[in-house]
C-alpha atoms as a PDB file:
ATOM      1  CA  MET A   1    -119.194 -91.325-147.935  1.00  0.00           C
ATOM      2  CA  ALA A   2    -116.331 -91.554-145.433  1.00  0.00           C
ATOM      3  CA  ASN A   3    -114.489 -94.846-145.195  1.00  0.00           C
ATOM      4  CA  THR A   4    -115.763 -97.394-142.671  1.00  0.00           C
ATOM      5  CA  SER A   5    -113.158 -96.696-139.941  1.00  0.00           C
ATOM      6  CA  ALA A   6    -113.663 -92.927-140.042  1.00  0.00           C
ATOM      7  CA  ARG A   7    -117.452 -93.378-140.067  1.00  0.00           C
ATOM      8  CA  MET A   8    -117.341 -95.663-137.017  1.00  0.00           C
ATOM      9  CA  LEU A   9    -115.226 -93.163-135.117  1.00  0.00           C
ATOM     10  CA  ARG A  10    -117.755 -90.479-135.961  1.00  0.00           C
ATOM     11  CA  LEU A  11    -120.583 -92.776-134.852  1.00  0.00           C
ATOM     12  CA  LEU A  12    -118.836 -93.485-131.547  1.00  0.00           C
ATOM     13  CA  SER A  13    -118.268 -89.788-130.959  1.00  0.00           C
ATOM     14  CA  LEU A  14    -121.967 -89.060-131.511  1.00  0.00           C
ATOM     15  CA  LEU A  15    -123.076 -91.871-129.203  1.00  0.00           C
ATOM     16  CA  GLN A  16    -120.758 -90.603-126.435  1.00  0.00           C
ATOM     17  CA  THR A  17    -122.202 -87.078-126.568  1.00  0.00           C
ATOM     18  CA  HIS A  18    -125.940 -87.849-126.716  1.00  0.00           C
ATOM     19  CA  ARG A  19    -128.118 -89.840-124.344  1.00  0.00           C
ATOM     20  CA  TYR A  20    -130.421 -91.268-127.033  1.00  0.00           C
ATOM     21  CA  TRP A  21    -130.327 -91.075-130.838  1.00  0.00           C
ATOM     22  CA  PRO A  22    -133.339 -91.858-133.024  1.00  0.00           C
ATOM     23  CA  GLY A  23    -132.135 -94.200-135.761  1.00  0.00           C
ATOM     24  CA  GLY A  24    -133.161 -91.955-138.656  1.00  0.00           C
ATOM     25  CA  GLU A  25    -131.536 -88.869-137.178  1.00  0.00           C
ATOM     26  CA  LEU A  26    -128.301 -90.727-136.461  1.00  0.00           C
ATOM     27  CA  ALA A  27    -128.183 -92.143-139.992  1.00  0.00           C
ATOM     28  CA  ASP A  28    -128.736 -88.644-141.421  1.00  0.00           C
ATOM     29  CA  ARG A  29    -125.882 -87.275-139.325  1.00  0.00           C
ATOM     30  CA  LEU A  30    -123.572 -89.918-140.762  1.00  0.00           C
ATOM     31  CA  ASN A  31    -125.014 -89.625-144.268  1.00  0.00           C
ATOM     32  CA  VAL A  32    -125.625 -93.383-144.485  1.00  0.00           C
ATOM     33  CA  SER A  33    -128.623 -95.683-144.766  1.00  0.00           C
ATOM     34  CA  GLU A  34    -130.170 -97.179-141.639  1.00  0.00           C
ATOM     35  CA  ARG A  35    -128.995-100.593-142.823  1.00  0.00           C
ATOM     36  CA  THR A  36    -125.391 -99.366-142.917  1.00  0.00           C
ATOM     37  CA  LEU A  37    -125.908 -97.787-139.491  1.00  0.00           C
ATOM     38  CA  ARG A  38    -127.023-101.146-138.067  1.00  0.00           C
ATOM     39  CA  ARG A  39    -123.883-102.827-139.440  1.00  0.00           C
ATOM     40  CA  ASP A  40    -121.651-100.133-137.897  1.00  0.00           C
ATOM     41  CA  VAL A  41    -123.388-100.519-134.548  1.00  0.00           C
ATOM     42  CA  ASP A  42    -122.764-104.259-134.685  1.00  0.00           C
ATOM     43  CA  ARG A  43    -119.067-103.577-135.329  1.00  0.00           C
ATOM     44  CA  LEU A  44    -118.907-101.308-132.274  1.00  0.00           C
ATOM     45  CA  ARG A  45    -120.472-104.054-130.164  1.00  0.00           C
ATOM     46  CA  GLU A  46    -117.792-106.477-131.366  1.00  0.00           C
ATOM     47  CA  LEU A  47    -115.176-103.997-130.116  1.00  0.00           C
ATOM     48  CA  GLY A  48    -116.741-103.954-126.655  1.00  0.00           C
ATOM     49  CA  TYR A  49    -119.013-100.895-126.826  1.00  0.00           C
ATOM     50  CA  PRO A  50    -122.421-101.692-125.262  1.00  0.00           C
ATOM     51  CA  VAL A  51    -124.865-100.073-127.699  1.00  0.00           C
ATOM     52  CA  ASP A  52    -128.554-100.671-126.960  1.00  0.00           C
ATOM     53  CA  ALA A  53    -131.028-100.619-129.851  1.00  0.00           C
ATOM     54  CA  ASN A  54    -134.798-100.114-129.816  1.00  0.00           C
ATOM     55  CA  ARG A  55    -136.673-101.440-132.843  1.00  0.00           C
ATOM     56  CA  GLY A  56    -139.698 -99.925-134.523  1.00  0.00           C
ATOM     57  CA  VAL A  57    -140.733 -96.539-135.874  1.00  0.00           C
ATOM     58  CA  ALA A  58    -139.480 -94.709-132.777  1.00  0.00           C
ATOM     59  CA  GLY A  59    -136.414 -96.927-132.507  1.00  0.00           C
ATOM     60  CA  GLY A  60    -132.946 -95.629-131.844  1.00  0.00           C
ATOM     61  CA  TYR A  61    -129.575 -96.212-130.218  1.00  0.00           C
ATOM     62  CA  GLN A  62    -127.994 -95.463-126.861  1.00  0.00           C
ATOM     63  CA  LEU A  63    -124.525 -96.146-125.418  1.00  0.00           C
ATOM     64  CA  GLN A  64    -124.852 -97.952-122.081  1.00  0.00           C
ATOM     65  CA  THR A  65    -122.533 -98.695-119.181  1.00  0.00           C
ATOM     66  CA  GLY A  66    -120.351-101.684-119.984  1.00  0.00           C
ATOM     67  CA  ALA A  67    -118.558-104.398-118.028  1.00  0.00           C
ATOM     68  CA  THR A  68    -115.129-103.348-119.348  1.00  0.00           C
ATOM     69  CA  MET A  69    -113.520-100.042-120.246  1.00  0.00           C
ATOM     70  CA  PRO A  70    -113.354 -99.600-124.052  1.00  0.00           C
ATOM     71  CA  PRO A  71    -111.379 -96.776-125.706  1.00  0.00           C
ATOM     72  CA  LEU A  72    -112.918 -93.303-125.487  1.00  0.00           C
ATOM     73  CA  LEU A  73    -113.106 -90.518-128.032  1.00  0.00           C
ATOM     74  CA  LEU A  74    -112.505 -87.014-126.681  1.00  0.00           C
ATOM     75  CA  ASP A  75    -112.909 -83.626-128.272  1.00  0.00           C
ATOM     76  CA  ASP A  76    -110.204 -80.957-127.799  1.00  0.00           C
ATOM     77  CA  GLU A  77    -111.782 -79.367-124.718  1.00  0.00           C
ATOM     78  CA  GLU A  78    -112.309 -82.711-123.016  1.00  0.00           C
ATOM     79  CA  ALA A  79    -108.743 -83.851-123.697  1.00  0.00           C
ATOM     80  CA  VAL A  80    -107.283 -80.643-122.238  1.00  0.00           C
ATOM     81  CA  ALA A  81    -109.547 -80.891-119.177  1.00  0.00           C
ATOM     82  CA  ILE A  82    -108.517 -84.494-118.536  1.00  0.00           C
ATOM     83  CA  ALA A  83    -104.795 -83.694-118.897  1.00  0.00           C
ATOM     84  CA  VAL A  84    -105.052 -80.760-116.493  1.00  0.00           C
ATOM     85  CA  GLY A  85    -107.014 -82.849-113.996  1.00  0.00           C
ATOM     86  CA  LEU A  86    -104.512 -85.696-114.171  1.00  0.00           C
ATOM     87  CA  ARG A  87    -101.627 -83.290-113.646  1.00  0.00           C
ATOM     88  CA  THR A  88    -103.333 -81.952-110.534  1.00  0.00           C
ATOM     89  CA  ALA A  89    -103.911 -85.477-109.225  1.00  0.00           C
ATOM     90  CA  ALA A  90    -100.314 -86.461-110.022  1.00  0.00           C
ATOM     91  CA  GLY A  91     -99.147 -83.585-107.831  1.00  0.00           C
ATOM     92  CA  GLY A  92    -100.926 -85.053-104.822  1.00  0.00           C
ATOM     93  CA  ALA A  93    -104.261 -83.249-104.803  1.00  0.00           C
ATOM     94  CA  VAL A  94    -105.949 -86.608-104.158  1.00  0.00           C
ATOM     95  CA  ALA A  95    -103.931 -88.960-101.982  1.00  0.00           C
ATOM     96  CA  GLY A  96    -103.428 -92.506-103.194  1.00  0.00           C
ATOM     97  CA  ILE A  97    -103.854 -92.041-106.945  1.00  0.00           C
ATOM     98  CA  GLU A  98    -100.650 -90.151-107.801  1.00  0.00           C
ATOM     99  CA  GLU A  99     -98.920 -93.032-109.606  1.00  0.00           C
ATOM    100  CA  THR A 100    -102.087 -94.057-111.450  1.00  0.00           C
ATOM    101  CA  SER A 101    -102.553 -90.445-112.541  1.00  0.00           C
ATOM    102  CA  VAL A 102     -99.025 -90.303-113.977  1.00  0.00           C
ATOM    103  CA  ARG A 103     -99.588 -93.497-115.984  1.00  0.00           C
ATOM    104  CA  ALA A 104    -102.848 -92.144-117.395  1.00  0.00           C
ATOM    105  CA  LEU A 105    -101.320 -88.714-118.054  1.00  0.00           C
ATOM    106  CA  THR A 106     -98.444 -90.324-119.942  1.00  0.00           C
ATOM    107  CA  LYS A 107    -100.904 -92.024-122.301  1.00  0.00           C
ATOM    108  CA  VAL A 108    -102.938 -88.856-122.854  1.00  0.00           C
ATOM    109  CA  ILE A 109     -99.940 -86.565-123.479  1.00  0.00           C
ATOM    110  CA  GLN A 110     -98.328 -89.047-125.867  1.00  0.00           C
ATOM    111  CA  VAL A 111    -101.224 -88.922-128.335  1.00  0.00           C
ATOM    112  CA  MET A 112    -101.999 -85.207-128.000  1.00  0.00           C
ATOM    113  CA  PRO A 113    -101.299 -83.005-131.019  1.00  0.00           C
ATOM    114  CA  PRO A 114     -98.847 -80.126-130.387  1.00  0.00           C
ATOM    115  CA  ARG A 115    -101.583 -77.473-130.392  1.00  0.00           C
ATOM    116  CA  LEU A 116    -103.322 -79.161-127.438  1.00  0.00           C
ATOM    117  CA  ARG A 117    -100.068 -79.726-125.587  1.00  0.00           C
ATOM    118  CA  ARG A 118     -99.398 -75.992-125.813  1.00  0.00           C
ATOM    119  CA  ARG A 119    -102.787 -75.277-124.254  1.00  0.00           C
ATOM    120  CA  VAL A 120    -102.136 -77.694-121.393  1.00  0.00           C
ATOM    121  CA  ASP A 121     -98.676 -76.201-120.811  1.00  0.00           C
ATOM    122  CA  ALA A 122    -100.137 -72.688-120.771  1.00  0.00           C
ATOM    123  CA  LEU A 123    -102.698 -73.683-118.149  1.00  0.00           C
ATOM    124  CA  ARG A 124     -99.959 -75.266-116.037  1.00  0.00           C
ATOM    125  CA  ALA A 125     -97.696 -72.224-116.319  1.00  0.00           C
ATOM    126  CA  TYR A 126    -100.331 -69.666-115.380  1.00  0.00           C
ATOM    127  CA  THR A 127    -102.216 -71.434-112.613  1.00  0.00           C
ATOM    128  CA  VAL A 128    -101.147 -71.971-109.008  1.00  0.00           C
ATOM    129  CA  PRO A 129    -102.140 -75.186-107.208  1.00  0.00           C
ATOM    130  CA  ALA A 130    -103.621 -74.661-103.749  1.00  0.00           C
ATOM    131  CA  VAL A 131    -102.984 -78.079-102.221  1.00  0.00           C
ATOM    132  CA  MET A 132    -102.586 -77.837 -98.452  1.00  0.00           C
ATOM    133  CA  GLY A 133     -99.768 -79.679 -96.744  1.00  0.00           C
ATOM    134  CA  GLY A 134     -98.075 -80.869 -99.923  1.00  0.00           C
ATOM    135  CA  GLY A 135     -94.417 -81.363-100.629  1.00  0.00           C
ATOM    136  CA  PRO A 136     -92.294 -79.428-103.103  1.00  0.00           C
ATOM    137  CA  THR A 137     -93.884 -78.655-106.470  1.00  0.00           C
ATOM    138  CA  VAL A 138     -93.056 -81.169-109.196  1.00  0.00           C
ATOM    139  CA  ASP A 139     -93.338 -80.429-112.905  1.00  0.00           C
ATOM    140  CA  SER A 140     -95.902 -82.918-114.185  1.00  0.00           C
ATOM    141  CA  LEU A 141     -94.349 -82.743-117.667  1.00  0.00           C
ATOM    142  CA  ALA A 142     -91.114 -84.050-116.148  1.00  0.00           C
ATOM    143  CA  LEU A 143     -93.109 -86.846-114.541  1.00  0.00           C
ATOM    144  CA  THR A 144     -94.531 -87.885-117.910  1.00  0.00           C
ATOM    145  CA  VAL A 145     -91.086 -87.803-119.567  1.00  0.00           C
ATOM    146  CA  ILE A 146     -89.673 -89.995-116.785  1.00  0.00           C
ATOM    147  CA  ALA A 147     -92.660 -92.357-116.841  1.00  0.00           C
ATOM    148  CA  GLN A 148     -92.332 -92.826-120.604  1.00  0.00           C
ATOM    149  CA  ALA A 149     -88.617 -93.574-120.237  1.00  0.00           C
ATOM    150  CA  CYS A 150     -89.371 -96.150-117.514  1.00  0.00           C
ATOM    151  CA  ARG A 151     -91.994 -97.760-119.727  1.00  0.00           C
ATOM    152  CA  ASP A 152     -89.857 -97.800-122.886  1.00  0.00           C
ATOM    153  CA  ASP A 153     -86.546 -98.756-121.198  1.00  0.00           C
ATOM    154  CA  GLU A 154     -84.774 -95.627-122.479  1.00  0.00           C
ATOM    155  CA  ARG A 155     -81.894 -93.900-120.734  1.00  0.00           C
ATOM    156  CA  LEU A 156     -82.528 -90.490-119.161  1.00  0.00           C
ATOM    157  CA  ARG A 157     -80.264 -87.486-118.716  1.00  0.00           C
ATOM    158  CA  PHE A 158     -80.943 -84.647-116.267  1.00  0.00           C
ATOM    159  CA  GLU A 159     -79.362 -82.112-113.933  1.00  0.00           C
ATOM    160  CA  TYR A 160     -79.624 -83.056-110.258  1.00  0.00           C
ATOM    161  CA  THR A 161     -79.143 -81.000-107.109  1.00  0.00           C
ATOM    162  CA  ALA A 162     -78.164 -83.077-104.091  1.00  0.00           C
ATOM    163  CA  ARG A 163     -79.082 -82.348-100.474  1.00  0.00           C
ATOM    164  CA  ASP A 164     -75.804 -80.471 -99.956  1.00  0.00           C
ATOM    165  CA  GLY A 165     -76.503 -78.230-102.978  1.00  0.00           C
ATOM    166  CA  ASP A 166     -73.999 -79.966-105.272  1.00  0.00           C
ATOM    167  CA  ARG A 167     -75.324 -80.002-108.857  1.00  0.00           C
ATOM    168  CA  THR A 168     -74.351 -82.747-111.289  1.00  0.00           C
ATOM    169  CA  THR A 169     -75.410 -84.201-114.632  1.00  0.00           C
ATOM    170  CA  ARG A 170     -76.765 -87.739-114.362  1.00  0.00           C
ATOM    171  CA  LEU A 171     -77.214 -90.433-116.977  1.00  0.00           C
ATOM    172  CA  VAL A 172     -79.498 -93.165-115.663  1.00  0.00           C
ATOM    173  CA  GLU A 173     -81.486 -96.213-116.610  1.00  0.00           C
ATOM    174  CA  PRO A 174     -84.895 -95.435-115.049  1.00  0.00           C
ATOM    175  CA  HIS A 175     -86.725 -98.220-113.252  1.00  0.00           C
ATOM    176  CA  ARG A 176     -89.789 -96.818-111.435  1.00  0.00           C
ATOM    177  CA  LEU A 177     -91.409 -93.612-110.223  1.00  0.00           C
ATOM    178  CA  VAL A 178     -92.527 -93.808-106.593  1.00  0.00           C
ATOM    179  CA  SER A 179     -94.908 -91.442-104.797  1.00  0.00           C
ATOM    180  CA  LEU A 180     -94.085 -91.317-101.078  1.00  0.00           C
ATOM    181  CA  GLY A 181     -95.090 -88.760 -98.482  1.00  0.00           C
ATOM    182  CA  ARG A 182     -96.396 -86.314-101.152  1.00  0.00           C
ATOM    183  CA  ARG A 183     -93.001 -86.384-102.872  1.00  0.00           C
ATOM    184  CA  TRP A 184     -91.975 -88.138-106.069  1.00  0.00           C
ATOM    185  CA  TYR A 185     -88.838 -90.295-106.301  1.00  0.00           C
ATOM    186  CA  LEU A 186     -87.127 -91.904-109.291  1.00  0.00           C
ATOM    187  CA  VAL A 187     -85.463 -95.258-108.731  1.00  0.00           C
ATOM    188  CA  ALA A 188     -82.778 -95.732-111.376  1.00  0.00           C
ATOM    189  CA  TRP A 189     -79.446 -97.321-112.166  1.00  0.00           C
ATOM    190  CA  ASP A 190     -76.791 -94.592-112.343  1.00  0.00           C
ATOM    191  CA  VAL A 191     -74.755 -95.462-115.429  1.00  0.00           C
ATOM    192  CA  GLU A 192     -71.640 -93.473-114.491  1.00  0.00           C
ATOM    193  CA  ARG A 193     -71.675 -94.329-110.760  1.00  0.00           C
ATOM    194  CA  HIS A 194     -72.479 -98.004-111.397  1.00  0.00           C
ATOM    195  CA  GLY A 195     -75.163 -98.396-108.772  1.00  0.00           C
ATOM    196  CA  TRP A 196     -78.824 -98.029-107.869  1.00  0.00           C
ATOM    197  CA  ARG A 197     -79.845 -94.549-106.778  1.00  0.00           C
ATOM    198  CA  THR A 198     -82.957 -92.722-105.544  1.00  0.00           C
ATOM    199  CA  PHE A 199     -83.589 -89.216-106.934  1.00  0.00           C
ATOM    200  CA  ARG A 200     -86.126 -86.705-105.665  1.00  0.00           C
ATOM    201  CA  VAL A 201     -87.948 -85.524-108.776  1.00  0.00           C
ATOM    202  CA  ASP A 202     -88.374 -81.972-107.458  1.00  0.00           C
ATOM    203  CA  ARG A 203     -84.549 -81.694-107.397  1.00  0.00           C
ATOM    204  CA  LEU A 204     -83.977 -82.689-111.025  1.00  0.00           C
ATOM    205  CA  VAL A 205     -84.382 -80.433-114.058  1.00  0.00           C
ATOM    206  CA  GLY A 206     -84.136 -80.854-117.800  1.00  0.00           C
ATOM    207  CA  ALA A 207     -85.128 -84.515-117.858  1.00  0.00           C
ATOM    208  CA  GLU A 208     -84.900 -85.815-121.397  1.00  0.00           C
ATOM    209  CA  SER A 209     -84.809 -89.218-122.983  1.00  0.00           C
ATOM    210  CA  THR A 210     -81.609 -90.009-124.872  1.00  0.00           C
ATOM    211  CA  GLY A 211     -83.344 -92.526-127.142  1.00  0.00           C
ATOM    212  CA  ALA A 212     -80.785 -95.158-126.134  1.00  0.00           C
ATOM    213  CA  ARG A 213     -82.458 -98.401-125.079  1.00  0.00           C
ATOM    214  CA  PHE A 214     -81.196-100.612-122.268  1.00  0.00           C
ATOM    215  CA  ARG A 215     -81.861-104.070-120.894  1.00  0.00           C
ATOM    216  CA  PRO A 216     -83.649-103.697-117.523  1.00  0.00           C
ATOM    217  CA  ARG A 217     -81.669-104.742-114.447  1.00  0.00           C
ATOM    218  CA  GLU A 218     -83.118-106.511-111.422  1.00  0.00           C
ATOM    219  CA  LEU A 219     -83.717-104.118-108.534  1.00  0.00           C
ATOM    220  CA  PRO A 220     -82.434-105.456-105.191  1.00  0.00           C
ATOM    221  CA  GLY A 221     -85.439-106.732-103.280  1.00  0.00           C
ATOM    222  CA  GLY A 222     -87.699-106.180-106.287  1.00  0.00           C
ATOM    223  CA  ASP A 223     -89.879-103.565-104.519  1.00  0.00           C
ATOM    224  CA  ALA A 224     -89.255 -99.984-105.658  1.00  0.00           C
ATOM    225  CA  GLY A 225     -91.367 -98.517-102.841  1.00  0.00           C
ATOM    226  CA  ALA A 226     -89.424-100.419-100.181  1.00  0.00           C
ATOM    227  CA  PHE A 227     -86.154 -99.408-101.869  1.00  0.00           C
ATOM    228  CA  VAL A 228     -87.086 -95.715-101.565  1.00  0.00           C
ATOM    229  CA  ARG A 229     -88.163 -96.058 -97.925  1.00  0.00           C
ATOM    230  CA  ASP A 230     -84.914 -97.844 -97.069  1.00  0.00           C
ATOM    231  CA  SER A 231     -82.919 -95.131 -98.860  1.00  0.00           C
ATOM    232  CA  ILE A 232     -84.683 -92.415 -96.876  1.00  0.00           C
ATOM    233  CA  THR A 233     -84.313 -94.094 -93.471  1.00  0.00           C
ATOM    234  CA  SER A 234     -80.608 -94.847 -94.064  1.00  0.00           C
ATOM    235  CA  MET A 235     -79.874 -91.291 -95.207  1.00  0.00           C
ATOM    236  CA  PRO A 236     -77.714 -89.298 -92.756  1.00  0.00           C
ATOM    237  CA  THR A 237     -79.848 -86.646 -91.051  1.00  0.00           C
ATOM    238  CA  GLN A 238     -79.425 -84.229 -88.180  1.00  0.00           C
ATOM    239  CA  TYR A 239     -81.843 -86.010 -85.851  1.00  0.00           C
ATOM    240  CA  GLN A 240     -82.962 -89.575 -85.279  1.00  0.00           C
ATOM    241  CA  VAL A 241     -86.263 -89.265 -83.435  1.00  0.00           C
ATOM    242  CA  VAL A 242     -87.428 -92.257 -81.413  1.00  0.00           C
ATOM    243  CA  VAL A 243     -90.806 -92.296 -79.637  1.00  0.00           C
ATOM    244  CA  VAL A 244     -92.997 -94.962 -78.047  1.00  0.00           C
ATOM    245  CA  VAL A 245     -96.581 -94.613 -79.285  1.00  0.00           C
ATOM    246  CA  ARG A 246     -99.527 -95.963 -77.279  1.00  0.00           C
ATOM    247  CA  ALA A 247    -101.278 -97.505 -80.256  1.00  0.00           C
ATOM    248  CA  ALA A 248    -101.283-100.749 -82.225  1.00  0.00           C
ATOM    249  CA  VAL A 249     -98.628-101.223 -84.903  1.00  0.00           C
ATOM    250  CA  ALA A 250    -101.174-101.472 -87.711  1.00  0.00           C
ATOM    251  CA  ASP A 251    -102.797 -98.158 -86.761  1.00  0.00           C
ATOM    252  CA  VAL A 252     -99.448 -96.350 -86.636  1.00  0.00           C
ATOM    253  CA  GLU A 253     -98.156 -97.904 -89.860  1.00  0.00           C
ATOM    254  CA  ARG A 254    -101.291 -96.800 -91.690  1.00  0.00           C
ATOM    255  CA  VAL A 255    -100.272 -93.169 -91.078  1.00  0.00           C
ATOM    256  CA  VAL A 256     -96.501 -93.373 -90.932  1.00  0.00           C
ATOM    257  CA  SER A 257     -95.410 -95.888 -93.590  1.00  0.00           C
ATOM    258  CA  PRO A 258     -96.220 -93.632 -96.572  1.00  0.00           C
ATOM    259  CA  LEU A 259     -94.110 -90.910 -94.937  1.00  0.00           C
ATOM    260  CA  GLY A 260     -90.971 -92.978 -94.462  1.00  0.00           C
ATOM    261  CA  GLY A 261     -91.068 -93.737 -90.726  1.00  0.00           C
ATOM    262  CA  VAL A 262     -90.163 -97.148 -89.295  1.00  0.00           C
ATOM    263  CA  VAL A 263     -92.501 -98.847 -86.808  1.00  0.00           C
ATOM    264  CA  GLU A 264     -91.477-101.668 -84.444  1.00  0.00           C
ATOM    265  CA  ALA A 265     -93.895-103.525 -82.151  1.00  0.00           C
ATOM    266  CA  VAL A 266     -93.406-103.276 -78.381  1.00  0.00           C
ATOM    267  CA  ASP A 267     -96.598-105.118 -77.397  1.00  0.00           C
ATOM    268  CA  ASP A 268    -100.169-105.430 -78.661  1.00  0.00           C
ATOM    269  CA  TRP A 269    -101.026-101.834 -77.738  1.00  0.00           C
ATOM    270  CA  SER A 270     -97.794 -99.899 -78.203  1.00  0.00           C
ATOM    271  CA  CYS A 271     -94.943 -99.579 -80.676  1.00  0.00           C
ATOM    272  CA  ARG A 272     -91.644 -97.798 -81.258  1.00  0.00           C
ATOM    273  CA  LEU A 273     -91.527 -95.199 -84.021  1.00  0.00           C
ATOM    274  CA  LEU A 274     -88.237 -94.096 -85.625  1.00  0.00           C
ATOM    275  CA  MET A 275     -88.003 -91.030 -87.847  1.00  0.00           C
ATOM    276  CA  ASN A 276     -84.938 -89.434 -89.434  1.00  0.00           C
ATOM    277  CA  ALA A 277     -85.290 -85.688 -89.898  1.00  0.00           C
ATOM    278  CA  ASP A 278     -83.281 -82.518 -90.411  1.00  0.00           C
ATOM    279  CA  GLY A 279     -85.743 -80.497 -88.320  1.00  0.00           C
ATOM    280  CA  MET A 280     -88.269 -80.917 -85.529  1.00  0.00           C
ATOM    281  CA  GLU A 281     -91.378 -79.750 -87.374  1.00  0.00           C
ATOM    282  CA  TRP A 282     -92.058 -82.820 -89.507  1.00  0.00           C
ATOM    283  CA  PRO A 283     -91.929 -85.410 -86.650  1.00  0.00           C
ATOM    284  CA  VAL A 284     -94.303 -83.251 -84.594  1.00  0.00           C
ATOM    285  CA  LEU A 285     -96.777 -83.134 -87.496  1.00  0.00           C
ATOM    286  CA  VAL A 286     -96.607 -86.922 -87.852  1.00  0.00           C
ATOM    287  CA  LEU A 287     -97.258 -87.461 -84.147  1.00  0.00           C
ATOM    288  CA  ALA A 288    -100.166 -85.013 -84.237  1.00  0.00           C
ATOM    289  CA  ALA A 289    -101.665 -86.944 -87.166  1.00  0.00           C
ATOM    290  CA  LEU A 290    -101.531 -90.183 -85.149  1.00  0.00           C
ATOM    291  CA  GLY A 291    -103.887 -88.865 -82.458  1.00  0.00           C
ATOM    292  CA  ALA A 292    -102.371 -91.150 -79.805  1.00  0.00           C
ATOM    293  CA  ASP A 293    -100.377 -90.702 -76.591  1.00  0.00           C
ATOM    294  CA  PHE A 294     -96.625 -91.071 -76.913  1.00  0.00           C
ATOM    295  CA  GLU A 295     -93.358 -90.791 -74.997  1.00  0.00           C
ATOM    296  CA  VAL A 296     -90.187 -89.292 -76.484  1.00  0.00           C
ATOM    297  CA  VAL A 297     -87.175 -91.587 -76.107  1.00  0.00           C
ATOM    298  CA  GLN A 298     -84.622 -89.470 -77.977  1.00  0.00           C
ATOM    299  CA  PRO A 299     -83.206 -86.955 -78.668  1.00  0.00           C
ATOM    300  CA  ALA A 300     -83.463 -84.562 -75.738  1.00  0.00           C
ATOM    301  CA  GLU A 301     -83.826 -81.626 -78.146  1.00  0.00           C
ATOM    302  CA  PHE A 302     -86.984 -83.148 -79.572  1.00  0.00           C
ATOM    303  CA  ARG A 303     -88.429 -83.667 -76.081  1.00  0.00           C
ATOM    304  CA  ASP A 304     -87.867 -79.963 -75.384  1.00  0.00           C
ATOM    305  CA  TYR A 305     -89.394 -79.007 -78.741  1.00  0.00           C
ATOM    306  CA  VAL A 306     -92.513 -81.099 -78.099  1.00  0.00           C
ATOM    307  CA  ARG A 307     -92.896 -79.552 -74.640  1.00  0.00           C
ATOM    308  CA  ALA A 308     -92.593 -76.018 -76.022  1.00  0.00           C
ATOM    309  CA  THR A 309     -95.045 -76.786 -78.812  1.00  0.00           C
ATOM    310  CA  GLY A 310     -97.516 -78.253 -76.346  1.00  0.00           C
ATOM    311  CA  GLU A 311     -97.288 -75.204 -74.109  1.00  0.00           C
ATOM    312  CA  ARG A 312     -97.875 -72.934 -77.109  1.00  0.00           C
ATOM    313  CA  PHE A 313    -101.009 -74.841 -78.068  1.00  0.00           C
ATOM    314  CA  ALA A 314    -102.190 -74.905 -74.455  1.00  0.00           C
ATOM    315  CA  ARG A 315    -101.926 -71.111 -74.285  1.00  0.00           C
ATOM    316  CA  ALA A 316    -103.902 -70.835 -77.517  1.00  0.00           C
ATOM    317  CA  GLY A 317    -106.577 -73.134 -76.122  1.00  0.00           C
ATOM    318  CA  SER A 318    -106.929 -71.044 -72.966  1.00  0.00           C
ATOM    319  CA  GLY A 319    -107.492 -67.778 -74.808  1.00  0.00           C
ATOM    320  CA  GLY A 320    -104.258 -67.134 -76.700  1.00  0.00           C
ATOM    321  CA  ALA A 321    -101.299 -64.911 -76.012  1.00  0.00           C
ATOM    322  CA  GLU A 322    -101.934 -61.286 -75.199  1.00  0.00           C
ATOM    323  CA  GLY A 323    -100.731 -58.718 -77.638  1.00  0.00           C
ATOM    324  CA  GLY A 324    -101.603 -56.538 -80.571  1.00  0.00           C
ATOM    325  CA  ASN A 325    -101.393 -59.339 -83.131  1.00  0.00           C
ATOM    326  CA  ALA A 326    -104.309 -61.265 -81.586  1.00  0.00           C
ATOM    327  CA  GLY A 327    -106.916 -59.113 -83.266  1.00  0.00           C
ATOM    328  CA  THR A 328    -105.263 -58.759 -86.652  1.00  0.00           C
ATOM    329  CA  ALA A 329    -107.463 -59.922 -89.510  1.00  0.00           C
ATOM    330  CA  ALA A 330    -106.571 -60.618 -93.121  1.00  0.00           C
ATOM    331  CA  SER A 331    -107.910 -58.108 -95.571  1.00  0.00           C
END
């Protein structure tokens, strides 16, 4: 007979994969008496697993929905499927759960045996995500390495490419991962530059923990998300776009705040929106997503770009531009 712990794990696995188990059949599967089975079921209940029991000749056991989330047992296929799904969610396939997905993925990957990790890595390497409108692709394995270092207070080393293309090696004390505007950012203390920095995760490669522990520092303001937004808005860019939107502040902030824009109230039904950008495309997409009237304050180049874009859409709405490309279809 297997020892008690191993037998209980086997019992839990069977209960999770079968809607209802007759008591005799379940005892036979475990090679124990029905009395021993009852004791093991009681132990599972003490651990928080809601196991229902029916008495009598036709009695049996069934795992029910509980009030809390107890640990789960997964077979190899289930573990791989969960890891792949969490990696997809971490990349932004479902808005709003990116950071939660990274935390869960970190726990799953940490306890996976190497053979399963290789399967997950193979699936990642040979599949292409088809998420519309996303930001740059981020290696979910790098996200888990960074998340673990944040959790364990371990210094990280990686290669980083700045906006101007300059590539450097960084040694940092990681604080938090932040998902903002379908991009991932690392907030960390730069050991060699002696200051807090924000790093775009899609621009760093070779992230690895050094194993060196550190005492966490206090982040200015205490809010990693706000720190990233402030870093983005204060970053020198080619254009500072300012528009007045005919909508309430709360409605505009709901769309814009996750993307890094700054909203200031003008009155109850209008607000001023500021966006720093290196091109015109992104601000136009943000304004289109708002679905509200607006007036461009600055710069003049953006006003011209909006006018040209509007004329292009107006032509499309009235029948489209004439020419040979209008009837081209994808094969």
